Amino acid sequence: MLEAAALSKSFGDHVALHPLTLRVAPGEILCLLGANGAGKTTTINLFLDFIPRSGGRALVDGLDVAAEPLETKRRLAYIPEQVQLYRTLTGVENLDYFQRLSGRPPLDRAALLALCDRVGLPAGAADRRVSTYSKGMRQKVGIAIAIAKEARALLLDEPTSGLDPQASNEFSALLAVLRDDGVAILMATHDLFRARETGTHIAIMKHGRMVDRFAAADIGHADLERLYLDHMRN
């Protein structure tokens, strides 16, 4: 569903992403680990076509994001570290607005409220202004938007940064639901614990290169930390 084929990006003489090849199939969660500047966010931005590539291709459902920017965005959802919603609108109003932008048939209020309940918004929160929401609640609205637009691929950039342990755990549980629904998920994160708990696969990036990739089930928490630190030292 998500595929990078020798995808690269340079800013002048600086190579932000060396030729990268990866694939995230439906029902997989690939967690990108790495320090700041490792190329994680650059990879996400290239899949979103937010920045022009220097080489290779980024594909969504077999479509090149540069050649088919609108169609590929219809099949994607994106959740950044800070989900940008309209603060003066309620949660359900934001959900309604962004679902309509997706081009899907509009949902009635009952369906929208059911989505808010499905992603775990507290009772009554759907009709409160987003300005009153915690970060975790805004992230849940972001997941509801992804479900409402029937996105088949999800891109996340540090989505659990700043969340308390309970909110982070709830967010991971929502990703597991999407995974089980066949959504392909690519997540950039610094959180080794969440990567191990949530991901089906983990990739470690350093200085714009993928230096390791493996199944999350094949490594324990302590071994993952040791491996990650070894890569960062070398």
Foldseek 3Di string as FASTA:
>chain_A
DKWWALWWADDVPATLAGGDTDDFFFLFEEEEAEDPSLNQVVVLCLLQVVDDIPDTFIDAVRHTCVVCVLVSVLQEAEAEQAQDFDQQAALLVRLQVLLVVSVDPGDDSVVSVVLLVVLPDPPPRRRDGNVPDDRLSSVSSSLSSCVSSVHQEYEYEANCVPPDPVSLVSSLVSLNVSSVVGRGYYYYHNDLVSCLVRGQKYWYGGNNYTPDIDGSVVDDSVRSVVVNVVVVVD
